[in-house]
Protein backbone atom coordinates (compact mmCIF):
# COMPACT_ATOMS: atom_id res chain seq x y z
CA MET A 1 7.23 -1.21 -19.17
CA LYS A 2 4.91 -3.96 -18.99
CA THR A 3 4.81 -6.34 -15.84
CA PHE A 4 4.62 -10.20 -15.86
CA ASN A 5 3.28 -13.05 -14.26
CA VAL A 6 6.30 -14.78 -13.33
CA PRO A 7 5.97 -17.78 -11.21
CA ILE A 8 6.28 -16.97 -7.84
CA ILE A 9 9.07 -19.02 -6.58
CA TYR A 10 11.90 -17.41 -9.27
CA ARG A 11 10.77 -13.84 -7.50
CA SER A 12 12.73 -12.90 -4.34
CA PRO A 13 11.64 -10.02 -1.53
CA LEU A 14 15.46 -9.16 -0.64
CA ILE A 15 16.18 -8.25 -4.63
CA SER A 16 12.52 -7.00 -5.46
CA ALA A 17 12.97 -4.10 -2.39
CA ILE A 18 16.28 -3.35 -3.68
CA LYS A 19 15.67 -3.20 -7.28
CA GLN A 20 12.49 -1.15 -6.30
CA LYS A 21 14.70 1.22 -4.03
CA ARG A 22 16.88 1.32 -6.48
CA LYS A 23 14.23 2.58 -9.45
CA GLN A 24 12.65 5.16 -7.00
CA GLN A 25 16.02 6.79 -6.60
CA ASP A 26 17.52 6.52 -10.37
CA ARG A 27 14.41 6.53 -12.29
CA MET A 28 16.53 7.94 -15.54
CA LYS A 29 18.98 5.02 -15.01
CA LYS A 30 21.91 6.84 -14.82
CA ASP A 31 23.28 5.70 -11.55
CA PHE A 32 25.45 2.39 -12.06
CA THR A 33 26.52 2.27 -8.57
CA PRO A 34 26.10 -0.97 -7.17
CA THR A 35 24.24 -1.78 -4.27
CA LEU A 36 25.76 -2.27 -0.47
CA LEU A 37 24.81 -4.92 1.51
CA ASP A 38 27.14 -4.51 5.05
CA PHE A 39 26.79 -7.24 6.81
CA GLY A 40 30.40 -6.73 8.68
CA PRO A 41 32.63 -9.86 8.17
CA LEU A 42 31.35 -10.18 4.61
CA ARG A 43 30.59 -7.13 2.69
CA ILE A 44 28.07 -7.90 -0.74
CA GLN A 45 28.41 -5.51 -3.35
CA LEU A 46 25.40 -6.02 -6.01
CA ALA A 47 25.28 -4.93 -8.73
CA ARG A 48 22.88 -1.95 -10.19
CA HIS A 49 21.07 -3.88 -13.02
CA PHE A 50 20.71 -7.68 -13.63
CA GLY A 51 18.80 -10.97 -13.53
CA PHE A 52 15.33 -11.39 -15.26
CA CYS A 53 15.02 -9.19 -18.40
CA TYR A 54 11.63 -8.43 -20.30
CA GLY A 55 12.06 -10.72 -23.37
CA VAL A 56 12.67 -13.47 -20.42
CA GLU A 57 9.59 -13.15 -18.10
CA ASN A 58 7.77 -12.77 -21.33
CA ALA A 59 8.84 -16.01 -21.80
CA ILE A 60 7.94 -17.43 -18.80
CA GLU A 61 4.58 -15.66 -19.07
CA ILE A 62 3.97 -17.56 -22.15
CA ALA A 63 5.46 -20.90 -21.44
CA PHE A 64 3.34 -21.20 -18.07
CA LYS A 65 0.57 -20.13 -18.97
CA THR A 66 0.44 -22.56 -22.25
CA VAL A 67 0.84 -25.28 -19.92
CA ASP A 68 -1.93 -24.28 -17.79
CA GLU A 69 -4.53 -23.78 -20.36
CA ASN A 70 -3.89 -27.27 -21.78
CA GLU A 71 -3.94 -29.97 -19.93
CA GLY A 72 -4.07 -33.37 -21.67
CA LYS A 73 -2.10 -32.09 -24.50
CA ARG A 74 1.22 -32.93 -25.36
CA ILE A 75 3.56 -29.44 -25.20
CA PHE A 76 6.90 -29.40 -26.64
CA LEU A 77 9.55 -26.49 -26.67
CA LEU A 78 12.02 -26.34 -29.64
CA SER A 79 14.62 -26.40 -27.43
CA GLU A 80 15.39 -24.89 -24.20
CA MET A 81 13.42 -21.99 -23.56
CA ILE A 82 15.58 -19.54 -21.80
CA HIS A 83 19.89 -20.44 -21.39
CA ASN A 84 18.59 -21.57 -17.42
CA PRO A 85 18.60 -24.85 -15.80
CA GLN A 86 15.68 -24.14 -13.13
CA VAL A 87 13.80 -22.44 -15.22
CA ASN A 88 14.07 -25.42 -18.11
CA ASN A 89 13.86 -28.02 -15.32
CA ASP A 90 10.82 -26.60 -14.19
CA LEU A 91 9.28 -26.96 -17.54
CA LEU A 92 9.96 -30.55 -18.13
CA ALA A 93 8.56 -31.36 -14.73
CA ARG A 94 5.23 -30.25 -15.78
CA GLY A 95 5.39 -32.48 -18.85
CA VAL A 96 6.80 -29.85 -21.69
CA GLN A 97 9.44 -32.06 -23.75
CA PHE A 98 12.35 -30.73 -25.61
CA LEU A 99 12.30 -31.06 -29.39
CA MET A 100 16.18 -30.48 -29.42
CA ASP A 101 19.25 -29.85 -27.66
CA THR A 102 20.77 -25.89 -27.68
CA SER A 103 23.43 -27.00 -31.10
CA GLY A 104 20.19 -28.23 -32.90
CA ARG A 105 20.58 -31.57 -32.54
CA GLN A 106 17.15 -33.43 -32.86
CA LEU A 107 16.15 -35.26 -29.55
CA ILE A 108 12.37 -35.97 -30.99
CA PRO A 109 11.19 -36.79 -34.53
CA TRP A 110 9.79 -34.34 -36.53
CA ASN A 111 7.63 -36.95 -37.80
CA ASP A 112 6.85 -38.14 -34.16
CA LEU A 113 4.73 -34.48 -33.95
CA ARG A 114 1.00 -34.47 -34.59
CA ALA A 115 -1.49 -31.61 -35.64
CA ASP A 116 -2.85 -31.10 -32.41
CA ASP A 117 0.53 -30.62 -30.42
CA ILE A 118 1.62 -27.94 -29.58
CA VAL A 119 4.93 -26.62 -29.87
CA ILE A 120 6.44 -23.26 -27.98
CA ILE A 121 9.23 -21.19 -29.92
CA PRO A 122 11.79 -20.23 -27.52
CA ALA A 123 13.31 -16.93 -26.54
CA PHE A 124 15.46 -16.94 -28.89
CA GLY A 125 13.40 -17.34 -31.57
CA THR A 126 13.66 -19.59 -34.69
CA THR A 127 14.60 -20.57 -37.96
CA LEU A 128 12.49 -19.99 -41.27
CA GLU A 129 13.29 -23.51 -41.57
CA ILE A 130 11.88 -25.19 -38.83
CA GLU A 131 8.75 -22.78 -38.84
CA ALA A 132 8.17 -24.74 -42.32
CA GLN A 133 8.81 -27.94 -40.83
CA LEU A 134 6.40 -27.22 -37.88
CA GLN A 135 3.77 -25.62 -40.93
CA ALA A 136 3.99 -29.03 -42.75
CA LYS A 137 2.98 -30.70 -40.12
CA GLY A 138 -0.50 -28.61 -39.33
CA ILE A 139 1.16 -27.30 -36.62
CA THR A 140 0.74 -23.01 -36.54
CA PRO A 141 4.68 -22.05 -35.71
CA LEU A 142 4.03 -18.67 -34.49
CA GLN A 143 0.49 -19.41 -31.80
CA TYR A 144 3.00 -20.08 -29.16
CA ASN A 145 5.76 -17.75 -30.02
CA THR A 146 8.16 -16.61 -26.73
CA THR A 147 10.62 -14.84 -29.26
CA CYS A 148 11.89 -11.57 -27.74
CA PRO A 149 11.21 -8.67 -29.10
CA PHE A 150 14.84 -7.44 -29.30
CA VAL A 151 15.62 -10.11 -31.18
CA GLU A 152 12.86 -9.41 -33.91
CA ARG A 153 14.35 -5.74 -33.67
CA VAL A 154 17.34 -7.44 -35.18
CA TRP A 155 15.67 -9.55 -37.83
CA ASN A 156 13.92 -6.61 -38.85
CA LYS A 157 17.52 -4.04 -38.59
CA ALA A 158 18.48 -6.72 -40.95
CA GLU A 159 15.45 -7.18 -43.65
CA GLN A 160 15.74 -2.96 -43.44
CA ILE A 161 19.21 -2.86 -44.73
CA GLY A 162 18.75 -5.69 -46.94
CA ALA A 163 16.39 -3.97 -48.54
CA LYS A 164 19.03 -1.43 -49.76
CA ALA A 165 21.17 -4.03 -51.09
CA TYR A 166 23.32 -4.24 -47.91
CA THR A 167 24.98 -7.53 -47.03
CA VAL A 168 24.32 -8.43 -43.14
CA ILE A 169 27.38 -9.37 -41.29
CA VAL A 170 26.13 -10.74 -37.64
CA HIS A 171 28.35 -10.84 -34.77
CA GLY A 172 27.37 -13.62 -33.10
CA LYS A 173 28.38 -17.09 -32.09
CA PRO A 174 27.44 -19.57 -35.05
CA LYS A 175 25.92 -22.08 -32.85
CA HIS A 176 23.64 -20.67 -30.97
CA GLU A 177 19.78 -20.71 -30.78
CA GLU A 178 19.78 -16.99 -31.21
CA THR A 179 22.29 -16.27 -34.01
CA ARG A 180 20.92 -19.25 -35.96
CA ALA A 181 17.52 -17.89 -35.94
CA THR A 182 19.06 -14.22 -37.02
CA PHE A 183 20.82 -15.75 -39.67
CA SER A 184 18.36 -17.68 -41.56
CA HIS A 185 15.72 -14.58 -41.33
CA SER A 186 18.68 -12.14 -42.34
CA ARG A 187 19.90 -14.71 -45.30
CA SER A 188 16.10 -14.47 -46.92
CA HIS A 189 16.36 -11.16 -47.53
CA THR A 190 20.07 -10.47 -48.62
CA PRO A 191 23.67 -12.31 -48.69
CA THR A 192 24.69 -12.99 -45.23
CA ILE A 193 27.93 -13.85 -43.30
CA VAL A 194 28.37 -14.21 -39.47
CA VAL A 195 31.54 -13.65 -37.72
CA LYS A 196 31.96 -14.84 -34.14
CA ASP A 197 35.06 -12.75 -32.99
CA MET A 198 37.82 -9.52 -33.95
CA GLU A 199 39.90 -12.69 -35.07
CA GLN A 200 37.81 -13.70 -37.46
CA THR A 201 36.84 -9.88 -38.19
CA HIS A 202 40.32 -8.73 -39.03
CA ARG A 203 40.20 -12.17 -41.70
CA LEU A 204 36.90 -10.82 -42.96
CA ALA A 205 38.50 -7.30 -43.49
CA ASP A 206 41.72 -8.61 -45.47
CA TYR A 207 39.30 -10.11 -47.77
CA ILE A 208 36.98 -7.06 -48.10
CA LYS A 209 40.32 -5.20 -49.07
CA GLY A 210 41.49 -7.66 -51.31
CA ARG A 211 44.40 -8.72 -49.40
CA LEU A 212 43.52 -12.74 -49.15
CA PRO A 213 42.25 -14.41 -52.23
CA ALA A 214 39.22 -15.06 -52.38
CA GLU A 215 38.63 -18.75 -53.16
CA GLY A 216 40.61 -19.14 -49.49
CA PHE A 217 37.12 -17.40 -47.68
CA TYR A 218 35.01 -20.35 -48.26
CA ASP A 219 37.18 -22.69 -46.58
CA GLU A 220 37.52 -20.51 -43.32
CA PHE A 221 33.79 -19.58 -43.19
CA LYS A 222 32.65 -22.62 -43.95
CA GLY A 223 28.60 -22.93 -42.87
CA GLN A 224 28.70 -19.35 -41.58
CA TYR A 225 27.87 -17.85 -44.80
CA SER A 226 24.60 -17.91 -47.27
CA GLU A 227 23.78 -19.94 -49.86
CA GLY A 228 25.45 -18.11 -53.36
CA PHE A 229 27.95 -16.00 -51.29
CA ASP A 230 30.18 -13.86 -53.05
CA VAL A 231 33.50 -13.08 -51.57
CA LEU A 232 33.98 -10.26 -54.63
CA GLN A 233 30.26 -9.32 -54.80
CA HIS A 234 28.76 -9.30 -51.37
CA LEU A 235 31.47 -7.71 -49.58
CA GLN A 236 31.14 -4.26 -51.40
CA ARG A 237 28.37 -2.90 -49.53
CA VAL A 238 27.78 -4.08 -45.86
CA GLY A 239 26.17 -3.77 -42.69
CA VAL A 240 26.78 -4.89 -38.98
CA VAL A 241 23.70 -6.75 -36.50
CA ASN A 242 24.57 -9.05 -33.64
CA GLN A 243 23.45 -11.48 -31.59
CA THR A 244 21.70 -9.61 -28.67
CA THR A 245 23.72 -10.94 -25.67
CA MET A 246 27.40 -10.37 -27.39
CA LEU A 247 29.61 -8.19 -25.48
CA ALA A 248 28.95 -4.73 -26.20
CA SER A 249 32.53 -3.14 -26.72
CA GLU A 250 33.61 -6.20 -28.55
CA THR A 251 30.52 -5.48 -31.58
CA GLN A 252 31.42 -1.76 -31.48
CA ALA A 253 35.03 -2.69 -32.11
CA ILE A 254 33.87 -5.34 -35.31
CA ALA A 255 31.91 -2.67 -36.54
CA ASP A 256 34.38 0.23 -36.38
CA HIS A 257 37.09 -2.62 -37.86
CA ILE A 258 34.73 -3.28 -40.87
CA ARG A 259 33.99 0.12 -41.54
CA GLN A 260 37.79 1.19 -41.77
CA ALA A 261 38.35 -1.77 -44.40
CA ILE A 262 35.87 -0.52 -46.16
CA GLN A 263 36.38 3.00 -45.96
CA GLU A 264 40.29 1.95 -46.94
CA LYS A 265 39.08 -0.20 -49.82
CA TYR A 266 37.05 2.28 -51.25
CA GLU A 267 39.30 5.51 -50.67
CA LEU A 268 35.96 6.91 -48.96
CA ALA A 269 35.72 10.11 -46.87
CA ASP A 270 33.76 10.17 -43.60
CA ASP A 271 30.72 11.44 -45.55
CA GLN A 272 30.45 9.42 -47.92
CA ILE A 273 31.22 6.23 -45.75
CA GLY A 274 27.42 5.59 -45.69
CA GLU A 275 27.35 4.44 -49.52
CA ARG A 276 28.90 1.23 -48.44
CA PHE A 277 28.86 0.79 -44.94
CA ALA A 278 24.63 0.97 -42.93
CA ASP A 279 24.86 3.00 -39.86
CA THR A 280 22.95 -0.02 -38.05
CA ARG A 281 24.13 1.32 -34.90
CA ASP A 282 24.11 -1.25 -31.68
CA THR A 283 21.75 -4.23 -31.54
CA LEU A 284 22.38 -5.27 -28.30
CA CYS A 285 18.83 -5.50 -26.33
CA TYR A 286 18.60 -2.90 -23.70
CA ALA A 287 19.08 -5.68 -20.85
CA THR A 288 22.51 -6.77 -22.22
CA ASN A 289 23.97 -2.92 -22.29
CA ASP A 290 22.47 -2.26 -18.58
CA ASN A 291 24.00 -5.51 -16.55
CA GLN A 292 27.32 -4.92 -18.73
CA THR A 293 27.61 -0.95 -17.88
CA ALA A 294 26.39 -1.79 -14.45
CA VAL A 295 29.47 -4.52 -14.36
CA THR A 296 31.70 -2.12 -15.20
CA GLY A 297 30.39 0.69 -12.75
CA MET A 298 30.72 -2.41 -9.92
CA LEU A 299 34.19 -2.87 -11.02
CA GLU A 300 34.98 0.41 -9.28
CA THR A 301 34.43 -0.68 -5.81
CA GLU A 302 37.42 -2.41 -4.51
CA ALA A 303 36.75 -6.15 -3.49
CA ASP A 304 38.64 -8.91 -3.21
CA LEU A 305 36.19 -11.25 -5.73
CA ALA A 306 33.26 -11.30 -8.27
CA ILE A 307 30.75 -13.91 -8.40
CA VAL A 308 28.45 -14.58 -11.27
CA VAL A 309 25.38 -16.37 -11.32
CA GLY A 310 23.59 -17.90 -14.36
CA GLY A 311 22.82 -20.86 -16.61
CA TYR A 312 26.89 -22.28 -17.71
CA ASN A 313 25.68 -22.02 -21.43
CA SER A 314 24.17 -18.75 -20.51
CA SER A 315 25.74 -16.02 -23.72
CA ASN A 316 25.36 -12.99 -21.88
CA THR A 317 26.22 -14.45 -18.69
CA SER A 318 29.37 -15.30 -19.45
CA HIS A 319 30.24 -11.98 -21.15
CA LEU A 320 29.62 -10.40 -17.58
CA VAL A 321 32.55 -13.10 -16.25
CA GLU A 322 34.74 -11.86 -19.09
CA LEU A 323 33.95 -8.03 -17.57
CA CYS A 324 34.53 -9.34 -13.98
CA GLU A 325 37.70 -11.83 -15.08
CA GLU A 326 39.35 -8.57 -16.54
CA LYS A 327 39.76 -7.08 -12.59
CA LEU A 328 39.10 -10.02 -9.86
CA PRO A 329 39.05 -13.90 -9.05
CA THR A 330 35.77 -14.46 -10.76
CA TYR A 331 33.45 -17.67 -9.88
CA PHE A 332 30.79 -18.62 -12.66
CA ILE A 333 28.09 -20.76 -10.69
CA SER A 334 24.70 -22.11 -11.34
CA SER A 335 23.39 -21.71 -8.43
CA GLU A 336 24.19 -21.63 -4.52
CA GLU A 337 24.35 -25.74 -4.31
CA LYS A 338 28.09 -24.96 -6.39
CA LEU A 339 29.14 -22.96 -3.03
CA LEU A 340 30.15 -25.91 -1.26
CA SER A 341 31.12 -24.22 1.72
CA ARG A 342 33.82 -21.04 2.92
CA GLU A 343 36.56 -22.92 1.42
CA GLU A 344 35.04 -25.18 -1.57
CA VAL A 345 33.19 -23.77 -4.93
CA LEU A 346 32.11 -25.49 -8.16
CA HIS A 347 32.67 -23.56 -10.50
CA TRP A 348 32.39 -22.93 -14.84
CA ASP A 349 35.45 -22.33 -16.67
CA PHE A 350 33.65 -21.11 -20.05
CA HIS A 351 36.82 -21.08 -21.89
CA HIS A 352 36.95 -24.72 -21.82
CA HIS A 353 34.04 -25.63 -20.85
CA GLN A 354 34.53 -27.50 -17.82
CA GLU A 355 33.28 -27.62 -13.88
CA LEU A 356 36.56 -26.40 -11.80
CA HIS A 357 36.51 -27.84 -8.02
CA SER A 358 38.26 -24.49 -6.38
CA LYS A 359 39.44 -23.93 -2.73
CA GLY A 360 40.21 -20.80 -0.93
CA TYR A 361 37.68 -18.54 -2.84
CA LEU A 362 37.16 -16.58 0.32
CA PRO A 363 40.08 -14.88 1.55
CA GLU A 364 40.89 -15.72 5.15
CA LYS A 365 40.62 -12.17 6.84
CA ALA A 366 38.57 -9.84 8.76
CA SER A 367 36.05 -8.53 6.51
CA VAL A 368 35.68 -9.83 2.48
CA THR A 369 34.28 -7.91 0.16
CA LEU A 370 32.71 -9.65 -2.65
CA LEU A 371 30.99 -8.37 -6.06
CA LEU A 372 27.64 -10.17 -7.37
CA THR A 373 25.87 -9.68 -10.44
CA SER A 374 23.60 -12.28 -12.54
CA GLY A 375 22.68 -13.02 -16.15
CA ALA A 376 19.37 -12.16 -17.84
CA SER A 377 17.87 -15.28 -17.82
CA CYS A 378 18.45 -16.16 -13.64
CA PRO A 379 15.88 -15.66 -11.12
CA ASP A 380 15.98 -13.08 -8.45
CA ALA A 381 15.58 -16.16 -6.11
CA ILE A 382 19.02 -17.87 -6.86
CA VAL A 383 20.98 -14.59 -5.85
CA GLU A 384 19.11 -14.55 -2.97
CA GLY A 385 19.60 -18.16 -2.50
CA VAL A 386 23.69 -17.36 -3.17
CA ILE A 387 23.51 -14.48 -0.84
CA ARG A 388 21.77 -16.36 2.25
CA ARG A 389 24.57 -19.23 1.79
CA LEU A 390 27.67 -17.17 1.94
CA LEU A 391 25.80 -15.79 5.26
CA SER A 392 25.42 -18.78 6.42
CA PHE A 393 29.72 -19.70 5.96
CA TYR A 394 29.63 -16.72 8.72
CA GLY A 395 26.94 -17.29 10.85
CA LEU A 396 24.79 -14.41 9.62
CA GLU A 397 21.95 -15.87 8.01
CA HIS A 398 19.74 -13.82 10.16
CA LYS A 399 20.48 -10.71 8.78
CA ILE A 400 18.55 -11.34 5.82
CA HIS A 401 15.53 -10.10 7.58
CA GLU A 402 17.15 -7.30 8.58
CA ALA A 403 18.18 -6.35 5.35
CA ILE A 404 14.58 -6.68 3.33
CA GLU A 405 13.50 -4.43 5.58
CA THR A 406 16.18 -1.98 5.46
CA PHE A 407 15.05 -1.98 1.27
CA GLY A 408 11.52 -2.68 1.91
């Protein structure tokens, strides 16, 4: 796989050594057991896969190269390039400005743009409508494009099944930048609807099977279907794709449920289902799959708690938290600074969108074991920072150098 020129400030000698050693030992990526960092009173089980993915490193390289090569020019990002506060703040410090926030709210009016301005497309991609806005200002919309190739793969899959007269169902968060972009690209080819979770999928299945009156669909799914969507016509042949950072098991359950609804509605045998349900397979990116599977493998290890590191608005990170929460007390933090002391921690409750201040997160016992992972947009340097911070609570900061030598 291609390697990228990512600023050294995001790298970690310890994490790089661990990842390189695990890669040498397991080139086919079949071993999802965690890596044990045994510091005596503190034992850290580090997930097999975590941190920067291909798409994120690609985006960072393009963005920083664009800044370096265009001194004196005004440079804008459509919105956050990735969902990591450190990376976005570093770009802001270099003079880059955001045109919109993550929800699509305009921060800088389109009319303020000039034809000689540079606009970087974030890793999530963007809508065809925004591309047209840029084009109208004389800006080539895709000249500085950091859209993740795995996001573009989803767009291609939607176009392919749309060409065969299937309606596209997108499993994603309706307000997320990536889902907005996928919805825009898909609806340019075929009728498209977004479902955010299993609850909405059950409702959609009832509309497919005719159990609910069609007119109720338009209010219930307002803002989530393409213009001219006909609930009676456009749910007869469907295929499911997803936002690349969703929970794999949920996407599979959604696809299975829609498939079953179609099969029941039209009384199809298993070998006939392809007539009305497109086999899109899973459109999650490899990193989302690997990171989620690594967390599943990590959770088979006995531990006292889990710490997940990443941006609070990061979709893929929140799903790692979800998996950990099923088994253990879990603390979602954005950096080592949230670990206030051995007793106190600030952590994000993504269910209720609030930061919590908790006490007693590290048990008072002779040896504490914790599970540690991070999202796909989290720099390895932050993960090392978390490890260093935890070690400092036990007076073991010097042990980090021994760990680097052990894996190096």
